[in-house]
């Protein structure tokens, strides 16, 4: 899970370096429209899911590890 991943794409970078990983990029709904382009440019579309959420408002279910960027 890459919290606040939006335009930076830590999850995309990690899955590029370690193709066996899968990730989720979570950012505010205002930011997530640009996130799929970041994931696609990293050729990680099949390994990175994009989720719109406000992580301050509560926990995100089903997440094992979080990286805050």
C-alpha atoms as a PDB file:
ATOM      1  CA  UNK A   1       0.000   0.000   0.000  1.00  0.00           C
ATOM      2  CA  UNK A   2       1.385   3.365  -1.053  1.00  0.00           C
ATOM      3  CA  UNK A   3      -0.487   6.041   0.891  1.00  0.00           C
ATOM      4  CA  UNK A   4      -0.439   9.366  -0.913  1.00  0.00           C
ATOM      5  CA  UNK A   5       1.097   7.698  -3.976  1.00  0.00           C
ATOM      6  CA  UNK A   6      -0.662   9.893  -6.537  1.00  0.00           C
ATOM      7  CA  UNK A   7       1.944  11.439  -8.822  1.00  0.00           C
ATOM      8  CA  UNK A   8       5.010   9.874  -7.200  1.00  0.00           C
ATOM      9  CA  UNK A   9       4.163   6.225  -7.554  1.00  0.00           C
ATOM     10  CA  UNK A  10       6.254   4.410  -4.939  1.00  0.00           C
ATOM     11  CA  UNK A  11       4.154   1.265  -5.444  1.00  0.00           C
ATOM     12  CA  UNK A  12       4.845   1.412  -9.190  1.00  0.00           C
ATOM     13  CA  UNK A  13       8.566   1.824  -8.583  1.00  0.00           C
ATOM     14  CA  UNK A  14       8.680  -1.064  -6.105  1.00  0.00           C
ATOM     15  CA  UNK A  15       6.754  -3.426  -8.363  1.00  0.00           C
ATOM     16  CA  UNK A  16       9.067  -2.522 -11.237  1.00  0.00           C
ATOM     17  CA  UNK A  17      12.112  -3.414  -9.146  1.00  0.00           C
ATOM     18  CA  UNK A  18      10.468  -6.516  -7.646  1.00  0.00           C
ATOM     19  CA  UNK A  19       8.041  -7.961 -10.221  1.00  0.00           C
ATOM     20  CA  UNK A  20       6.707 -10.558  -7.758  1.00  0.00           C
ATOM     21  CA  UNK A  21       5.150  -7.773  -5.631  1.00  0.00           C
ATOM     22  CA  UNK A  22       1.655  -6.356  -5.985  1.00  0.00           C
ATOM     23  CA  UNK A  23       0.581  -3.032  -4.555  1.00  0.00           C
ATOM     24  CA  UNK A  24      -2.198  -0.561  -3.981  1.00  0.00           C
ATOM     25  CA  UNK A  25      -1.808   3.190  -4.398  1.00  0.00           C
ATOM     26  CA  UNK A  26      -4.222   5.090  -2.160  1.00  0.00           C
ATOM     27  CA  UNK A  27      -4.779   8.810  -2.427  1.00  0.00           C
ATOM     28  CA  UNK A  28      -7.497  11.388  -2.096  1.00  0.00           C
ATOM     29  CA  UNK A  29     -10.256  11.243  -4.713  1.00  0.00           C
ATOM     30  CA  UNK A  30      -9.036  14.562  -6.142  1.00  0.00           C
ATOM     31  CA  UNK A  31      -5.615  13.046  -6.951  1.00  0.00           C
ATOM     32  CA  UNK A  32      -6.498   9.531  -8.122  1.00  0.00           C
ATOM     33  CA  UNK A  33      -7.532  10.536 -11.681  1.00  0.00           C
ATOM     34  CA  UNK A  34      -3.826  11.098 -12.515  1.00  0.00           C
ATOM     35  CA  UNK A  35      -2.590   7.969 -10.742  1.00  0.00           C
ATOM     36  CA  UNK A  36      -3.441   5.370 -13.449  1.00  0.00           C
ATOM     37  CA  UNK A  37      -1.149   7.229 -15.872  1.00  0.00           C
ATOM     38  CA  UNK A  38       1.734   6.978 -13.380  1.00  0.00           C
ATOM     39  CA  UNK A  39       1.075   3.250 -12.963  1.00  0.00           C
ATOM     40  CA  UNK A  40       0.812   2.708 -16.725  1.00  0.00           C
ATOM     41  CA  UNK A  41       4.061   4.590 -17.415  1.00  0.00           C
ATOM     42  CA  UNK A  42       5.810   2.278 -14.943  1.00  0.00           C
ATOM     43  CA  UNK A  43       4.344  -0.718 -16.804  1.00  0.00           C
ATOM     44  CA  UNK A  44       2.797  -1.852 -13.523  1.00  0.00           C
ATOM     45  CA  UNK A  45      -0.906  -1.828 -14.416  1.00  0.00           C
ATOM     46  CA  UNK A  46      -1.212  -5.566 -13.835  1.00  0.00           C
ATOM     47  CA  UNK A  47       0.407  -5.325 -10.361  1.00  0.00           C
ATOM     48  CA  UNK A  48      -0.764  -1.996  -8.896  1.00  0.00           C
ATOM     49  CA  UNK A  49      -4.351  -1.173  -7.977  1.00  0.00           C
ATOM     50  CA  UNK A  50      -5.448   2.450  -7.525  1.00  0.00           C
ATOM     51  CA  UNK A  51      -7.845   3.280  -4.680  1.00  0.00           C
ATOM     52  CA  UNK A  52      -9.429   6.616  -3.789  1.00  0.00           C
ATOM     53  CA  UNK A  53      -9.729   7.056  -0.029  1.00  0.00           C
ATOM     54  CA  UNK A  54      -9.112   9.452   2.828  1.00  0.00           C
ATOM     55  CA  UNK A  55      -6.817   7.410   5.074  1.00  0.00           C
ATOM     56  CA  UNK A  56      -7.106   9.965   7.868  1.00  0.00           C
ATOM     57  CA  UNK A  57     -10.779   9.100   8.306  1.00  0.00           C
ATOM     58  CA  UNK A  58     -10.136   5.441   9.202  1.00  0.00           C
ATOM     59  CA  UNK A  59      -8.236   2.237   8.499  1.00  0.00           C
ATOM     60  CA  UNK A  60      -8.172   0.633   5.074  1.00  0.00           C
ATOM     61  CA  UNK A  61      -9.199  -3.049   5.290  1.00  0.00           C
ATOM     62  CA  UNK A  62      -7.109  -5.757   3.626  1.00  0.00           C
ATOM     63  CA  UNK A  63      -3.787  -3.902   3.641  1.00  0.00           C
ATOM     64  CA  UNK A  64      -0.679  -5.740   4.898  1.00  0.00           C
ATOM     65  CA  UNK A  65       2.025  -3.046   4.658  1.00  0.00           C
ATOM     66  CA  UNK A  66       1.757   0.722   4.215  1.00  0.00           C
ATOM     67  CA  UNK A  67       4.363   3.104   2.757  1.00  0.00           C
ATOM     68  CA  UNK A  68       3.598   6.759   3.322  1.00  0.00           C
ATOM     69  CA  UNK A  69       5.124   9.022   0.662  1.00  0.00           C
END
